[in-house]
C-alpha atoms as a PDB file:
ATOM      1  CA  MET A   1     -19.700  -6.596  20.376  1.00  0.00           C
ATOM      2  CA  GLN A   2     -22.513  -4.260  21.334  1.00  0.00           C
ATOM      3  CA  GLN A   3     -20.941  -3.480  24.679  1.00  0.00           C
ATOM      4  CA  ALA A   4     -17.502  -2.828  23.162  1.00  0.00           C
ATOM      5  CA  GLY A   5     -18.984  -0.603  20.464  1.00  0.00           C
ATOM      6  CA  SER A   6     -21.051   1.351  22.922  1.00  0.00           C
ATOM      7  CA  GLU A   7     -18.121   1.944  25.300  1.00  0.00           C
ATOM      8  CA  VAL A   8     -15.938   3.192  22.475  1.00  0.00           C
ATOM      9  CA  ALA A   9     -18.682   5.349  20.996  1.00  0.00           C
ATOM     10  CA  ASN A  10     -19.408   7.240  24.200  1.00  0.00           C
ATOM     11  CA  ARG A  11     -15.860   7.965  25.265  1.00  0.00           C
ATOM     12  CA  GLY A  12     -14.396  11.504  25.261  1.00  0.00           C
ATOM     13  CA  ILE A  13     -10.693  12.362  25.311  1.00  0.00           C
ATOM     14  CA  ILE A  14      -9.375  15.423  27.154  1.00  0.00           C
ATOM     15  CA  ARG A  15      -6.215  16.842  25.658  1.00  0.00           C
ATOM     16  CA  HIS A  16      -4.544  20.232  26.142  1.00  0.00           C
ATOM     17  CA  GLY A  17      -7.578  21.445  28.060  1.00  0.00           C
ATOM     18  CA  GLN A  18     -10.085  20.553  25.350  1.00  0.00           C
ATOM     19  CA  THR A  19     -12.595  17.740  25.110  1.00  0.00           C
ATOM     20  CA  HIS A  20     -12.754  15.961  21.783  1.00  0.00           C
ATOM     21  CA  ARG A  21     -15.760  13.796  21.008  1.00  0.00           C
ATOM     22  CA  VAL A  22     -13.769  11.001  19.457  1.00  0.00           C
ATOM     23  CA  ARG A  23     -13.674   7.240  19.756  1.00  0.00           C
ATOM     24  CA  ALA A  24     -10.341   6.180  21.157  1.00  0.00           C
ATOM     25  CA  LEU A  25      -9.530   2.547  21.797  1.00  0.00           C
ATOM     26  CA  ARG A  26      -7.956   1.595  25.083  1.00  0.00           C
ATOM     27  CA  ARG A  27      -5.599  -1.351  25.359  1.00  0.00           C
ATOM     28  CA  ARG A  28      -8.346  -3.612  26.680  1.00  0.00           C
ATOM     29  CA  ASP A  29     -10.669  -2.744  23.810  1.00  0.00           C
ATOM     30  CA  GLY A  30      -9.218  -5.320  21.414  1.00  0.00           C
ATOM     31  CA  LEU A  31     -11.718  -6.244  18.708  1.00  0.00           C
ATOM     32  CA  SER A  32     -12.218  -9.381  16.666  1.00  0.00           C
ATOM     33  CA  ALA A  33     -12.041  -9.324  12.869  1.00  0.00           C
ATOM     34  CA  VAL A  34     -15.829  -9.219  12.588  1.00  0.00           C
ATOM     35  CA  ASP A  35     -16.197  -6.492  15.211  1.00  0.00           C
ATOM     36  CA  SER A  36     -13.492  -4.461  13.513  1.00  0.00           C
ATOM     37  CA  VAL A  37     -15.302  -4.573  10.178  1.00  0.00           C
ATOM     38  CA  VAL A  38     -18.679  -3.772  11.725  1.00  0.00           C
ATOM     39  CA  LEU A  39     -17.368  -0.831  13.755  1.00  0.00           C
ATOM     40  CA  HIS A  40     -14.547   0.518  11.599  1.00  0.00           C
ATOM     41  CA  TRP A  41     -15.560  -0.110   7.989  1.00  0.00           C
ATOM     42  CA  PRO A  42     -15.932   3.640   7.286  1.00  0.00           C
ATOM     43  CA  GLU A  43     -12.254   4.192   8.090  1.00  0.00           C
ATOM     44  CA  TYR A  44     -11.223   1.319   5.827  1.00  0.00           C
ATOM     45  CA  LEU A  45     -13.190   2.772   2.917  1.00  0.00           C
ATOM     46  CA  MET A  46     -11.760   6.217   3.627  1.00  0.00           C
ATOM     47  CA  GLU A  47      -8.205   4.882   3.456  1.00  0.00           C
ATOM     48  CA  ALA A  48      -8.971   3.120   0.171  1.00  0.00           C
ATOM     49  CA  ALA A  49     -10.476   6.302  -1.262  1.00  0.00           C
ATOM     50  CA  GLU A  50      -7.551   8.444  -0.066  1.00  0.00           C
ATOM     51  CA  VAL A  51      -4.971   6.198  -1.750  1.00  0.00           C
ATOM     52  CA  GLY A  52      -7.184   5.993  -4.842  1.00  0.00           C
ATOM     53  CA  VAL A  53      -7.324   9.783  -5.130  1.00  0.00           C
ATOM     54  CA  TYR A  54      -3.591  10.057  -4.513  1.00  0.00           C
ATOM     55  CA  MET A  55      -2.789   7.534  -7.248  1.00  0.00           C
ATOM     56  CA  PHE A  56      -5.284   8.972  -9.715  1.00  0.00           C
ATOM     57  CA  LEU A  57      -3.728  12.418  -9.324  1.00  0.00           C
ATOM     58  CA  THR A  58      -0.208  10.965  -9.433  1.00  0.00           C
ATOM     59  CA  CYS A  59      -1.013   9.428 -12.812  1.00  0.00           C
ATOM     60  CA  ALA A  60      -2.774  12.569 -14.034  1.00  0.00           C
ATOM     61  CA  PHE A  61       0.090  14.899 -13.090  1.00  0.00           C
ATOM     62  CA  ALA A  62       2.690  12.462 -14.450  1.00  0.00           C
ATOM     63  CA  THR A  63       0.913  12.399 -17.811  1.00  0.00           C
ATOM     64  CA  LEU A  64       0.491  16.166 -17.848  1.00  0.00           C
ATOM     65  CA  LEU A  65       4.170  16.752 -17.118  1.00  0.00           C
ATOM     66  CA  GLN A  66       5.822  13.868 -18.972  1.00  0.00           C
ATOM     67  CA  HIS A  67       3.739  12.866 -21.992  1.00  0.00           C
ATOM     68  CA  PRO A  68       5.379  14.116 -25.231  1.00  0.00           C
ATOM     69  CA  ALA A  69       2.058  15.493 -26.499  1.00  0.00           C
ATOM     70  CA  SER A  70       1.332  17.434 -23.330  1.00  0.00           C
ATOM     71  CA  PRO A  71       1.438  21.229 -23.731  1.00  0.00           C
ATOM     72  CA  VAL A  72       2.856  21.495 -20.204  1.00  0.00           C
ATOM     73  CA  ARG A  73       5.854  19.347 -21.095  1.00  0.00           C
ATOM     74  CA  GLN A  74       6.450  21.446 -24.187  1.00  0.00           C
ATOM     75  CA  LEU A  75       6.138  24.628 -22.127  1.00  0.00           C
ATOM     76  CA  VAL A  76       8.489  23.333 -19.394  1.00  0.00           C
ATOM     77  CA  PRO A  77      11.283  21.429 -21.157  1.00  0.00           C
ATOM     78  CA  ASN A  78      13.596  21.338 -18.116  1.00  0.00           C
ATOM     79  CA  VAL A  79      13.430  17.972 -16.321  1.00  0.00           C
ATOM     80  CA  ILE A  80      14.237  19.405 -12.886  1.00  0.00           C
ATOM     81  CA  ALA A  81      11.571  22.078 -13.259  1.00  0.00           C
ATOM     82  CA  ARG A  82       8.999  19.422 -14.173  1.00  0.00           C
ATOM     83  CA  ARG A  83       9.988  17.346 -11.160  1.00  0.00           C
ATOM     84  CA  ALA A  84       9.612  20.423  -8.969  1.00  0.00           C
ATOM     85  CA  LEU A  85       6.104  20.992 -10.350  1.00  0.00           C
ATOM     86  CA  MET A  86       5.265  17.327  -9.743  1.00  0.00           C
ATOM     87  CA  GLY A  87       6.556  17.674  -6.199  1.00  0.00           C
ATOM     88  CA  LEU A  88       4.437  20.752  -5.545  1.00  0.00           C
ATOM     89  CA  ALA A  89       1.359  19.028  -6.956  1.00  0.00           C
ATOM     90  CA  MET A  90       1.776  15.839  -4.909  1.00  0.00           C
ATOM     91  CA  GLY A  91       2.834  17.703  -1.774  1.00  0.00           C
ATOM     92  CA  ALA A  92      -0.340  19.780  -1.996  1.00  0.00           C
ATOM     93  CA  THR A  93      -2.338  16.600  -2.638  1.00  0.00           C
ATOM     94  CA  THR A  94      -0.875  15.032   0.504  1.00  0.00           C
ATOM     95  CA  VAL A  95      -1.846  18.042   2.617  1.00  0.00           C
ATOM     96  CA  ALA A  96      -5.354  18.131   1.135  1.00  0.00           C
ATOM     97  CA  ILE A  97      -5.957  14.419   1.799  1.00  0.00           C
ATOM     98  CA  VAL A  98      -4.746  14.494   5.414  1.00  0.00           C
ATOM     99  CA  MET A  99      -6.713  17.681   6.107  1.00  0.00           C
ATOM    100  CA  SER A 100      -9.898  16.401   4.471  1.00  0.00           C
ATOM    101  CA  PRO A 101     -12.761  15.100   6.655  1.00  0.00           C
ATOM    102  CA  TRP A 102     -11.868  11.543   5.630  1.00  0.00           C
ATOM    103  CA  GLY A 103      -8.181  12.056   6.387  1.00  0.00           C
ATOM    104  CA  LYS A 104      -8.984  13.502   9.784  1.00  0.00           C
ATOM    105  CA  GLN A 105     -11.111  10.470  10.647  1.00  0.00           C
ATOM    106  CA  SER A 106      -9.048   7.610   9.227  1.00  0.00           C
ATOM    107  CA  GLY A 107      -5.748   9.145  10.267  1.00  0.00           C
ATOM    108  CA  GLY A 108      -4.629  10.015   6.745  1.00  0.00           C
ATOM    109  CA  HIS A 109      -2.063   7.227   6.534  1.00  0.00           C
ATOM    110  CA  PHE A 110      -2.743   6.066   2.930  1.00  0.00           C
ATOM    111  CA  ASN A 111       0.544   4.172   3.287  1.00  0.00           C
ATOM    112  CA  PRO A 112       0.934   0.601   4.634  1.00  0.00           C
ATOM    113  CA  ALA A 113       4.404   1.411   6.016  1.00  0.00           C
ATOM    114  CA  ILE A 114       2.961   4.195   8.189  1.00  0.00           C
ATOM    115  CA  THR A 115       0.174   1.924   9.420  1.00  0.00           C
ATOM    116  CA  PHE A 116       2.658  -0.862  10.251  1.00  0.00           C
ATOM    117  CA  THR A 117       4.781   1.587  12.224  1.00  0.00           C
ATOM    118  CA  PHE A 118       1.843   2.861  14.268  1.00  0.00           C
ATOM    119  CA  TYR A 119       0.881  -0.769  14.918  1.00  0.00           C
ATOM    120  CA  ARG A 120       4.416  -1.469  16.152  1.00  0.00           C
ATOM    121  CA  LEU A 121       4.092   1.555  18.445  1.00  0.00           C
ATOM    122  CA  GLY A 122       0.841   0.223  19.928  1.00  0.00           C
ATOM    123  CA  LYS A 123      -1.512   2.737  18.317  1.00  0.00           C
ATOM    124  CA  VAL A 124      -3.330   0.464  15.846  1.00  0.00           C
ATOM    125  CA  GLU A 125      -5.325  -2.692  16.583  1.00  0.00           C
ATOM    126  CA  PHE A 126      -4.248  -5.973  14.929  1.00  0.00           C
ATOM    127  CA  TRP A 127      -7.270  -6.320  12.635  1.00  0.00           C
ATOM    128  CA  ASP A 128      -7.351  -2.618  11.852  1.00  0.00           C
ATOM    129  CA  LEU A 129      -3.768  -2.981  10.645  1.00  0.00           C
ATOM    130  CA  TRP A 130      -4.620  -5.676   8.139  1.00  0.00           C
ATOM    131  CA  PHE A 131      -7.874  -4.132   6.938  1.00  0.00           C
ATOM    132  CA  TYR A 132      -6.101  -0.794   6.488  1.00  0.00           C
ATOM    133  CA  VAL A 133      -3.338  -2.448   4.447  1.00  0.00           C
ATOM    134  CA  VAL A 134      -5.817  -4.299   2.247  1.00  0.00           C
ATOM    135  CA  ALA A 135      -7.803  -1.089   1.719  1.00  0.00           C
ATOM    136  CA  GLN A 136      -4.655   0.882   0.883  1.00  0.00           C
ATOM    137  CA  PHE A 137      -3.473  -1.604  -1.744  1.00  0.00           C
ATOM    138  CA  ALA A 138      -6.965  -1.891  -3.210  1.00  0.00           C
ATOM    139  CA  GLY A 139      -7.245   1.882  -3.374  1.00  0.00           C
ATOM    140  CA  ALA A 140      -3.899   2.215  -5.141  1.00  0.00           C
ATOM    141  CA  ILE A 141      -4.812  -0.378  -7.767  1.00  0.00           C
ATOM    142  CA  GLY A 142      -8.261   1.165  -8.216  1.00  0.00           C
ATOM    143  CA  GLY A 143      -6.869   4.690  -8.567  1.00  0.00           C
ATOM    144  CA  VAL A 144      -4.536   3.656 -11.376  1.00  0.00           C
ATOM    145  CA  CYS A 145      -7.376   1.693 -13.025  1.00  0.00           C
ATOM    146  CA  ILE A 146      -9.548   4.798 -13.128  1.00  0.00           C
ATOM    147  CA  ALA A 147      -6.673   6.931 -14.422  1.00  0.00           C
ATOM    148  CA  ARG A 148      -5.943   4.352 -17.112  1.00  0.00           C
ATOM    149  CA  TYR A 149      -9.561   4.359 -18.230  1.00  0.00           C
ATOM    150  CA  VAL A 150      -9.854   8.158 -18.214  1.00  0.00           C
ATOM    151  CA  GLN A 151      -6.592   8.774 -20.048  1.00  0.00           C
ATOM    152  CA  LYS A 152      -7.261   6.165 -22.747  1.00  0.00           C
ATOM    153  CA  GLY A 153      -3.731   4.965 -23.493  1.00  0.00           C
ATOM    154  CA  ALA A 154      -1.726   8.072 -22.594  1.00  0.00           C
ATOM    155  CA  LEU A 155      -0.733   6.582 -19.243  1.00  0.00           C
ATOM    156  CA  GLY A 156       0.991   3.679 -20.970  1.00  0.00           C
ATOM    157  CA  ASP A 157       3.293   5.889 -23.041  1.00  0.00           C
ATOM    158  CA  ASP A 158       6.976   5.127 -22.433  1.00  0.00           C
ATOM    159  CA  ALA A 159       7.545   8.613 -21.055  1.00  0.00           C
ATOM    160  CA  VAL A 160       4.819   8.158 -18.422  1.00  0.00           C
ATOM    161  CA  ARG A 161       4.823   4.382 -17.874  1.00  0.00           C
ATOM    162  CA  TYR A 162       1.912   4.406 -15.426  1.00  0.00           C
ATOM    163  CA  ALA A 163       4.030   6.539 -13.020  1.00  0.00           C
ATOM    164  CA  VAL A 164       6.020   3.499 -11.900  1.00  0.00           C
ATOM    165  CA  THR A 165       8.750   3.842  -9.286  1.00  0.00           C
ATOM    166  CA  ALA A 166      11.982   2.222 -10.455  1.00  0.00           C
ATOM    167  CA  PRO A 167      15.660   2.355  -9.400  1.00  0.00           C
ATOM    168  CA  GLY A 168      17.619   5.169 -11.002  1.00  0.00           C
ATOM    169  CA  VAL A 169      20.952   5.257 -12.787  1.00  0.00           C
ATOM    170  CA  PHE A 170      22.906   4.209  -9.677  1.00  0.00           C
ATOM    171  CA  GLY A 171      21.135   0.862  -9.368  1.00  0.00           C
ATOM    172  CA  ARG A 172      19.087  -1.051  -6.837  1.00  0.00           C
ATOM    173  CA  GLY A 173      21.455  -0.751  -3.896  1.00  0.00           C
ATOM    174  CA  ILE A 174      21.349   3.044  -3.941  1.00  0.00           C
ATOM    175  CA  ALA A 175      17.587   2.945  -4.550  1.00  0.00           C
ATOM    176  CA  PHE A 176      17.126   0.789  -1.449  1.00  0.00           C
ATOM    177  CA  VAL A 177      19.246   3.076   0.727  1.00  0.00           C
ATOM    178  CA  ALA A 178      17.495   6.157  -0.667  1.00  0.00           C
ATOM    179  CA  GLU A 179      14.009   4.752   0.000  1.00  0.00           C
ATOM    180  CA  LEU A 180      15.004   3.672   3.491  1.00  0.00           C
ATOM    181  CA  THR A 181      16.455   7.114   4.258  1.00  0.00           C
ATOM    182  CA  ILE A 182      13.581   9.242   2.981  1.00  0.00           C
ATOM    183  CA  SER A 183      11.052   6.948   4.669  1.00  0.00           C
ATOM    184  CA  PHE A 184      12.921   7.225   7.972  1.00  0.00           C
ATOM    185  CA  ILE A 185      12.961  11.027   7.733  1.00  0.00           C
ATOM    186  CA  LEU A 186       9.273  11.194   6.827  1.00  0.00           C
ATOM    187  CA  MET A 187       8.188   8.945   9.701  1.00  0.00           C
ATOM    188  CA  ILE A 188      10.413  10.510  12.356  1.00  0.00           C
ATOM    189  CA  THR A 189       9.124  13.928  11.290  1.00  0.00           C
ATOM    190  CA  ILE A 190       5.505  12.779  11.596  1.00  0.00           C
ATOM    191  CA  LEU A 191       6.148  11.310  15.056  1.00  0.00           C
ATOM    192  CA  VAL A 192       8.015  14.329  16.391  1.00  0.00           C
ATOM    193  CA  VAL A 193       5.597  16.917  15.039  1.00  0.00           C
ATOM    194  CA  THR A 194       2.378  15.101  16.005  1.00  0.00           C
ATOM    195  CA  ASN A 195       3.673  14.815  19.560  1.00  0.00           C
ATOM    196  CA  ARG A 196       4.457  18.476  20.014  1.00  0.00           C
ATOM    197  CA  ALA A 197       1.459  20.455  21.242  1.00  0.00           C
ATOM    198  CA  ARG A 198       2.449  23.584  19.342  1.00  0.00           C
ATOM    199  CA  LEU A 199       3.218  21.791  16.089  1.00  0.00           C
ATOM    200  CA  GLU A 200       0.768  18.904  15.792  1.00  0.00           C
ATOM    201  CA  ARG A 201      -1.784  20.829  13.709  1.00  0.00           C
ATOM    202  CA  TYR A 202       0.913  21.469  11.100  1.00  0.00           C
ATOM    203  CA  THR A 203       1.839  17.800  10.594  1.00  0.00           C
ATOM    204  CA  PRO A 204       0.139  17.568   7.157  1.00  0.00           C
ATOM    205  CA  TYR A 205       2.196  20.538   5.952  1.00  0.00           C
ATOM    206  CA  PHE A 206       5.455  19.032   7.183  1.00  0.00           C
ATOM    207  CA  ALA A 207       4.609  15.787   5.377  1.00  0.00           C
ATOM    208  CA  GLY A 208       3.559  17.636   2.226  1.00  0.00           C
ATOM    209  CA  VAL A 209       6.777  19.671   2.108  1.00  0.00           C
ATOM    210  CA  LEU A 210       8.883  16.525   2.492  1.00  0.00           C
ATOM    211  CA  ILE A 211       6.973  14.762  -0.307  1.00  0.00           C
ATOM    212  CA  ALA A 212       7.501  17.791  -2.554  1.00  0.00           C
ATOM    213  CA  ILE A 213      11.240  17.902  -1.810  1.00  0.00           C
ATOM    214  CA  TYR A 214      11.620  14.149  -2.289  1.00  0.00           C
ATOM    215  CA  ILE A 215       9.922  14.173  -5.686  1.00  0.00           C
ATOM    216  CA  ALA A 216      11.962  17.157  -6.857  1.00  0.00           C
ATOM    217  CA  PHE A 217      15.373  15.895  -5.740  1.00  0.00           C
ATOM    218  CA  GLU A 218      15.267  12.181  -4.806  1.00  0.00           C
ATOM    219  CA  THR A 219      13.349  10.829  -7.809  1.00  0.00           C
ATOM    220  CA  PRO A 220      16.503  10.164  -9.891  1.00  0.00           C
ATOM    221  CA  LEU A 221      17.715   7.727  -7.208  1.00  0.00           C
ATOM    222  CA  SER A 222      14.679   5.512  -6.623  1.00  0.00           C
ATOM    223  CA  GLY A 223      11.675   7.039  -8.363  1.00  0.00           C
ATOM    224  CA  MET A 224      10.467   8.295  -4.947  1.00  0.00           C
ATOM    225  CA  SER A 225       7.889   6.061  -3.365  1.00  0.00           C
ATOM    226  CA  THR A 226       8.118   5.729   0.470  1.00  0.00           C
ATOM    227  CA  ASN A 227       4.844   3.820   0.029  1.00  0.00           C
ATOM    228  CA  PRO A 228       4.420   0.134  -0.959  1.00  0.00           C
ATOM    229  CA  ALA A 229       0.849   0.740  -2.163  1.00  0.00           C
ATOM    230  CA  ARG A 230       1.927   3.690  -4.302  1.00  0.00           C
ATOM    231  CA  THR A 231       4.444   1.388  -6.030  1.00  0.00           C
ATOM    232  CA  LEU A 232       2.239  -1.695  -6.427  1.00  0.00           C
ATOM    233  CA  GLY A 233      -0.613   0.095  -8.239  1.00  0.00           C
ATOM    234  CA  PRO A 234       1.482   1.285 -11.201  1.00  0.00           C
ATOM    235  CA  ALA A 235       3.653  -1.883 -11.229  1.00  0.00           C
ATOM    236  CA  LEU A 236       0.575  -4.042 -11.655  1.00  0.00           C
ATOM    237  CA  HIS A 237      -0.550  -2.112 -14.707  1.00  0.00           C
ATOM    238  CA  ALA A 238       2.920  -1.664 -16.218  1.00  0.00           C
ATOM    239  CA  GLY A 239       3.944  -5.269 -15.540  1.00  0.00           C
ATOM    240  CA  TYR A 240       7.099  -4.030 -13.795  1.00  0.00           C
ATOM    241  CA  TRP A 241       8.207  -6.474 -11.083  1.00  0.00           C
ATOM    242  CA  PRO A 242      12.047  -6.741 -10.916  1.00  0.00           C
ATOM    243  CA  ALA A 243      12.624  -4.228  -8.099  1.00  0.00           C
ATOM    244  CA  LEU A 244       9.244  -4.368  -6.350  1.00  0.00           C
ATOM    245  CA  TRP A 245      10.806  -5.817  -3.196  1.00  0.00           C
ATOM    246  CA  ILE A 246      12.771  -2.587  -2.667  1.00  0.00           C
ATOM    247  CA  TYR A 247       9.586  -0.534  -2.359  1.00  0.00           C
ATOM    248  CA  PHE A 248       8.022  -2.978   0.064  1.00  0.00           C
ATOM    249  CA  ALA A 249      11.059  -3.559   2.277  1.00  0.00           C
ATOM    250  CA  ALA A 250      12.877  -0.209   2.388  1.00  0.00           C
ATOM    251  CA  PRO A 251       9.972   2.136   3.283  1.00  0.00           C
ATOM    252  CA  THR A 252       8.635  -0.292   5.889  1.00  0.00           C
ATOM    253  CA  LEU A 253      12.056  -0.860   7.438  1.00  0.00           C
ATOM    254  CA  GLY A 254      12.909   2.841   7.395  1.00  0.00           C
ATOM    255  CA  MET A 255       9.679   3.809   9.140  1.00  0.00           C
ATOM    256  CA  LEU A 256       9.908   0.999  11.693  1.00  0.00           C
ATOM    257  CA  VAL A 257      13.438   2.108  12.573  1.00  0.00           C
ATOM    258  CA  ALA A 258      12.154   5.675  12.914  1.00  0.00           C
ATOM    259  CA  GLY A 259       9.498   4.449  15.347  1.00  0.00           C
ATOM    260  CA  GLU A 260      12.101   2.579  17.372  1.00  0.00           C
ATOM    261  CA  VAL A 261      14.412   5.590  17.522  1.00  0.00           C
ATOM    262  CA  PHE A 262      11.524   7.860  18.530  1.00  0.00           C
ATOM    263  CA  VAL A 263      10.463   5.606  21.405  1.00  0.00           C
ATOM    264  CA  ARG A 264      14.018   5.120  22.661  1.00  0.00           C
ATOM    265  CA  ILE A 265      14.682   8.855  22.667  1.00  0.00           C
ATOM    266  CA  ARG A 266      11.527   9.342  24.749  1.00  0.00           C
ATOM    267  CA  GLY A 267      12.525   6.669  27.241  1.00  0.00           C
ATOM    268  CA  GLY A 268       9.937   4.161  26.054  1.00  0.00           C
ATOM    269  CA  VAL A 269       7.010   6.592  25.870  1.00  0.00           C
ATOM    270  CA  ALA A 270       4.844   5.812  22.832  1.00  0.00           C
ATOM    271  CA  PRO A 271       3.298   8.544  20.666  1.00  0.00           C
ATOM    272  CA  TYR A 272      -0.078   9.936  21.673  1.00  0.00           C
ATOM    273  CA  CYS A 273      -2.137   8.800  18.684  1.00  0.00           C
ATOM    274  CA  GLY A 274      -1.948   7.182  15.263  1.00  0.00           C
ATOM    275  CA  LYS A 275      -3.411  10.080  13.298  1.00  0.00           C
ATOM    276  CA  LEU A 276      -1.484  12.598  11.262  1.00  0.00           C
ATOM    277  CA  HIS A 277      -4.098  15.169  12.310  1.00  0.00           C
ATOM    278  CA  HIS A 278      -5.799  14.385  15.597  1.00  0.00           C
ATOM    279  CA  SER A 279      -6.881  17.802  16.913  1.00  0.00           C
ATOM    280  CA  ASN A 280     -10.327  17.546  15.386  1.00  0.00           C
ATOM    281  CA  ASN A 281     -13.825  16.370  16.291  1.00  0.00           C
ATOM    282  CA  LYS A 282     -13.751  13.195  14.182  1.00  0.00           C
ATOM    283  CA  ARG A 283     -13.905   9.826  15.885  1.00  0.00           C
ATOM    284  CA  CYS A 284     -10.609   8.024  16.448  1.00  0.00           C
ATOM    285  CA  ILE A 285     -10.229   4.236  16.259  1.00  0.00           C
ATOM    286  CA  PHE A 286      -6.634   4.248  17.526  1.00  0.00           C
ATOM    287  CA  HIS A 287      -5.170   3.739  20.999  1.00  0.00           C
ATOM    288  CA  HIS A 288      -4.465   7.025  22.750  1.00  0.00           C
ATOM    289  CA  GLY A 289      -1.745   7.737  25.277  1.00  0.00           C
ATOM    290  CA  GLU A 290      -2.371   9.458  28.539  1.00  0.00           C
ATOM    291  CA  PRO A 291      -3.545  13.089  28.348  1.00  0.00           C
ATOM    292  CA  GLY A 292      -0.535  15.340  28.386  1.00  0.00           C
ATOM    293  CA  ALA A 293       1.778  12.723  26.856  1.00  0.00           C
ATOM    294  CA  SER A 294       2.426  15.127  24.018  1.00  0.00           C
ATOM    295  CA  GLU A 295       5.183  17.568  24.762  1.00  0.00           C
END
């Protein structure tokens, strides 16, 4: 364990003419469960905190915009306008999380479907995958818990309903297709942009804009999740289980298909890294491609 940790710690990665003091795993650097926890526990806690913040703010903005007693709801009676405001708020939150020091180090996934896709593409180690997923779900549940405590009952109002994601008026079939589609678009965008030298630094903004658009316009179809952890946290508190499978299966399937399409288009060449923002001086626990693999 000591040798593996030391090799990873001292490695530098040269990319686009710059040296980044990061820790990048090579294929032969596979770690055991214990080694993964010992070496990578900061990233796991960062992912949990990122999802926790995201869910806390999701609940806070949902209450502010939807609760009947909220002055904002009274000031903005139009449903579409309120959805647009929610989209702007959560899009900005997404950008802020990915661009934060924690997001730059952990990769800023805060979504099990994204982590699974990067694992499928060979960027994430086996045990990192599972510890990330556990951290993400724990963070989502914890974030809603804190919001529930802070808001003292307002979050449970029928108009807010713990910010659950539920199928819209067209039913579960349309909700499944909608979640699969928006998840595919989000993941393919992340993969394309992060692997373009001139665009990679803007990946958080691309993701944030998509989240904002989805919330504003797709919400009536599926409630807009693209994230199994984002759905489980509210569902656990609201006791809403009937359509939970949609928000586990559709986002994961959509993103995995996006990963497969991306690799096939590139003739089997995997993405460079598993971070949404990797041009920084934070350590990296993911597998890196060869320098120059990014176009």
